C-alpha atoms as a PDB file:
ATOM      1  CA  MET A   1    -220.965 110.525  19.442  1.00  0.00           C
ATOM      2  CA  ASP A   2    -224.336 109.236  18.135  1.00  0.00           C
ATOM      3  CA  ALA A   3    -223.218 105.679  18.798  1.00  0.00           C
ATOM      4  CA  MET A   4    -222.390 106.607  22.376  1.00  0.00           C
ATOM      5  CA  LEU A   5    -225.822 108.207  22.848  1.00  0.00           C
ATOM      6  CA  ASP A   6    -227.494 105.090  21.392  1.00  0.00           C
ATOM      7  CA  GLN A   7    -225.490 102.986  23.818  1.00  0.00           C
ATOM      8  CA  ILE A   8    -226.590 105.225  26.695  1.00  0.00           C
ATOM      9  CA  ASP A   9    -230.196 104.976  25.581  1.00  0.00           C
ATOM     10  CA  SER A  10    -230.034 101.164  25.518  1.00  0.00           C
ATOM     11  CA  LYS A  11    -228.601 101.046  29.063  1.00  0.00           C
ATOM     12  CA  LEU A  12    -231.315 103.160  30.687  1.00  0.00           C
ATOM     13  CA  PRO A  13    -233.217 101.308  33.419  1.00  0.00           C
ATOM     14  CA  LEU A  14    -236.140 103.594  32.795  1.00  0.00           C
ATOM     15  CA  ASP A  15    -238.590 101.825  35.089  1.00  0.00           C
ATOM     16  CA  LYS A  16    -236.274 102.421  38.022  1.00  0.00           C
ATOM     17  CA  TYR A  17    -236.395 106.206  37.614  1.00  0.00           C
ATOM     18  CA  ARG A  18    -239.661 106.784  35.772  1.00  0.00           C
ATOM     19  CA  SER A  19    -241.804 109.395  37.443  1.00  0.00           C
ATOM     20  CA  THR A  20    -245.139 108.133  38.695  1.00  0.00           C
ATOM     21  CA  ASN A  21    -246.813 111.509  38.434  1.00  0.00           C
ATOM     22  CA  ASN A  22    -246.986 113.682  35.368  1.00  0.00           C
ATOM     23  CA  ASN A  23    -247.031 116.986  37.192  1.00  0.00           C
ATOM     24  CA  ASN A  24    -244.691 119.528  35.692  1.00  0.00           C
ATOM     25  CA  THR A  25    -242.702 120.341  38.800  1.00  0.00           C
ATOM     26  CA  THR A  26    -239.930 122.874  38.688  1.00  0.00           C
ATOM     27  CA  SER A  27    -236.572 122.701  40.371  1.00  0.00           C
ATOM     28  CA  GLN A  28    -237.860 125.158  42.968  1.00  0.00           C
ATOM     29  CA  ASP A  29    -240.611 122.691  43.942  1.00  0.00           C
ATOM     30  CA  ASN A  30    -238.010 120.003  44.630  1.00  0.00           C
ATOM     31  CA  GLU A  31    -235.187 122.285  45.722  1.00  0.00           C
ATOM     32  CA  ASP A  32    -234.348 120.457  48.955  1.00  0.00           C
ATOM     33  CA  LYS A  33    -235.000 116.940  47.647  1.00  0.00           C
ATOM     34  CA  VAL A  34    -232.078 115.163  46.067  1.00  0.00           C
ATOM     35  CA  GLY A  35    -233.467 111.647  45.639  1.00  0.00           C
ATOM     36  CA  VAL A  36    -236.276 112.625  43.289  1.00  0.00           C
ATOM     37  CA  LEU A  37    -237.667 110.574  40.431  1.00  0.00           C
ATOM     38  CA  TRP A  38    -236.335 111.219  36.947  1.00  0.00           C
ATOM     39  CA  THR A  39    -238.389 110.976  33.766  1.00  0.00           C
ATOM     40  CA  ASP A  40    -237.055 109.130  30.734  1.00  0.00           C
ATOM     41  CA  MET A  41    -236.317 112.426  29.009  1.00  0.00           C
ATOM     42  CA  GLU A  42    -234.540 113.887  32.047  1.00  0.00           C
ATOM     43  CA  ILE A  43    -232.299 110.822  32.254  1.00  0.00           C
ATOM     44  CA  PHE A  44    -231.478 111.045  28.567  1.00  0.00           C
ATOM     45  CA  LEU A  45    -230.781 114.780  28.832  1.00  0.00           C
ATOM     46  CA  VAL A  46    -228.620 114.496  31.939  1.00  0.00           C
ATOM     47  CA  LEU A  47    -226.517 111.814  30.241  1.00  0.00           C
ATOM     48  CA  GLN A  48    -226.139 114.026  27.181  1.00  0.00           C
ATOM     49  CA  GLY A  49    -225.264 116.854  29.563  1.00  0.00           C
ATOM     50  CA  PHE A  50    -222.436 114.843  31.131  1.00  0.00           C
ATOM     51  CA  LEU A  51    -221.100 114.130  27.659  1.00  0.00           C
ATOM     52  CA  LYS A  52    -221.330 117.746  26.522  1.00  0.00           C
ATOM     53  CA  TYR A  53    -220.575 119.669  29.751  1.00  0.00           C
ATOM     54  CA  GLY A  54    -218.651 117.155  31.853  1.00  0.00           C
ATOM     55  CA  MET A  55    -219.051 117.759  35.557  1.00  0.00           C
ATOM     56  CA  ASP A  56    -220.525 121.233  35.151  1.00  0.00           C
ATOM     57  CA  PHE A  57    -223.614 120.244  37.139  1.00  0.00           C
ATOM     58  CA  GLU A  58    -224.840 123.850  37.327  1.00  0.00           C
ATOM     59  CA  THR A  59    -225.053 124.167  33.537  1.00  0.00           C
ATOM     60  CA  ILE A  60    -226.680 120.747  33.216  1.00  0.00           C
ATOM     61  CA  ALA A  61    -229.286 121.685  35.850  1.00  0.00           C
ATOM     62  CA  GLU A  62    -230.015 124.955  34.033  1.00  0.00           C
ATOM     63  CA  ILE A  63    -230.582 123.071  30.785  1.00  0.00           C
ATOM     64  CA  LEU A  64    -232.829 120.494  32.449  1.00  0.00           C
ATOM     65  CA  GLU A  65    -234.847 123.255  34.164  1.00  0.00           C
ATOM     66  CA  THR A  66    -236.581 120.634  36.335  1.00  0.00           C
ATOM     67  CA  LYS A  67    -233.565 119.613  38.428  1.00  0.00           C
ATOM     68  CA  THR A  68    -231.213 121.481  40.716  1.00  0.00           C
ATOM     69  CA  TYR A  69    -227.432 121.403  40.910  1.00  0.00           C
ATOM     70  CA  LYS A  70    -227.704 119.165  43.992  1.00  0.00           C
ATOM     71  CA  GLN A  71    -230.015 116.742  42.194  1.00  0.00           C
ATOM     72  CA  VAL A  72    -227.693 116.457  39.187  1.00  0.00           C
ATOM     73  CA  ASP A  73    -224.741 115.952  41.535  1.00  0.00           C
ATOM     74  CA  TYR A  74    -226.684 113.284  43.456  1.00  0.00           C
ATOM     75  CA  PHE A  75    -227.669 111.550  40.201  1.00  0.00           C
ATOM     76  CA  TYR A  76    -223.997 111.483  39.224  1.00  0.00           C
ATOM     77  CA  GLN A  77    -222.846 110.096  42.578  1.00  0.00           C
ATOM     78  CA  VAL A  78    -225.550 107.415  42.785  1.00  0.00           C
ATOM     79  CA  ASN A  79    -225.392 106.320  39.130  1.00  0.00           C
ATOM     80  CA  LYS A  80    -221.708 106.799  38.354  1.00  0.00           C
ATOM     81  CA  SER A  81    -220.913 103.108  38.022  1.00  0.00           C
ATOM     82  CA  TYR A  82    -224.289 101.986  36.675  1.00  0.00           C
ATOM     83  CA  TYR A  83    -224.163 104.287  33.635  1.00  0.00           C
ATOM     84  CA  ASP A  84    -220.359 104.371  33.390  1.00  0.00           C
ATOM     85  CA  LEU A  85    -220.572 108.129  33.818  1.00  0.00           C
ATOM     86  CA  ASP A  86    -216.809 108.423  34.116  1.00  0.00           C
ATOM     87  CA  VAL A  87    -216.626 107.266  30.483  1.00  0.00           C
ATOM     88  CA  LEU A  88    -218.880 110.182  29.477  1.00  0.00           C
ATOM     89  CA  ILE A  89    -216.781 112.604  31.529  1.00  0.00           C
ATOM     90  CA  ARG A  90    -213.564 111.305  29.941  1.00  0.00           C
ATOM     91  CA  GLU A  91    -215.150 111.617  26.486  1.00  0.00           C
ATOM     92  CA  HIS A  92    -216.123 115.202  27.294  1.00  0.00           C
ATOM     93  CA  ASN A  93    -212.616 115.990  28.546  1.00  0.00           C
ATOM     94  CA  SER A  94    -211.080 114.375  25.458  1.00  0.00           C
ATOM     95  CA  ASN A  95    -213.343 116.373  23.134  1.00  0.00           C
ATOM     96  CA  LYS A  96    -212.642 119.565  25.068  1.00  0.00           C
ATOM     97  CA  GLN A  97    -208.905 118.975  24.950  1.00  0.00           C
ATOM     98  CA  SER A  98    -209.062 118.343  21.189  1.00  0.00           C
ATOM     99  CA  THR A  99    -211.035 121.556  20.714  1.00  0.00           C
ATOM    100  CA  ASP A 100    -208.628 123.512  22.924  1.00  0.00           C
ATOM    101  CA  ASN A 101    -205.626 122.147  20.988  1.00  0.00           C
ATOM    102  CA  LYS A 102    -207.281 123.007  17.682  1.00  0.00           C
ATOM    103  CA  VAL A 103    -207.923 126.583  18.816  1.00  0.00           C
ATOM    104  CA  SER A 104    -204.363 126.848  20.085  1.00  0.00           C
ATOM    105  CA  LYS A 105    -202.971 125.677  16.710  1.00  0.00           C
ATOM    106  CA  GLU A 106    -205.211 128.149  14.866  1.00  0.00           C
ATOM    107  CA  GLU A 107    -204.023 130.989  17.116  1.00  0.00           C
ATOM    108  CA  LYS A 108    -200.397 129.968  16.498  1.00  0.00           C
ATOM    109  CA  MET A 109    -201.020 129.960  12.741  1.00  0.00           C
ATOM    110  CA  GLU A 110    -202.490 133.473  12.949  1.00  0.00           C
ATOM    111  CA  VAL A 111    -199.408 134.685  14.838  1.00  0.00           C
ATOM    112  CA  ASP A 112    -197.077 133.024  12.295  1.00  0.00           C
ATOM    113  CA  ILE A 113    -198.987 134.619   9.407  1.00  0.00           C
ATOM    114  CA  CYS A 114    -198.758 138.071  10.996  1.00  0.00           C
ATOM    115  CA  LYS A 115    -194.952 137.828  11.346  1.00  0.00           C
END
């Protein structure tokens, strides 16, 4: 997973999305704007969010605190091919499936032990 995050970090076209003002705006300030500028850290965090939470844009927006659900969704739609976001989503789904299977096996073992 660290290698994937390093790869993401190396692919960031940070100048394209770098914020020109350093004001700490909240998601409420930009609530109706979807094409807002993203700071380097926000880009890094949203990419980590896609890897960890998949397409749960609401959770990712809550973690970012500075972006709304609509803005995260817009970022995904606009940058899907540029950042290979589908790869991150597939990785998330693969990790989730592995975790779900592991839990299922552990539950089965508990049932077998109780018999």
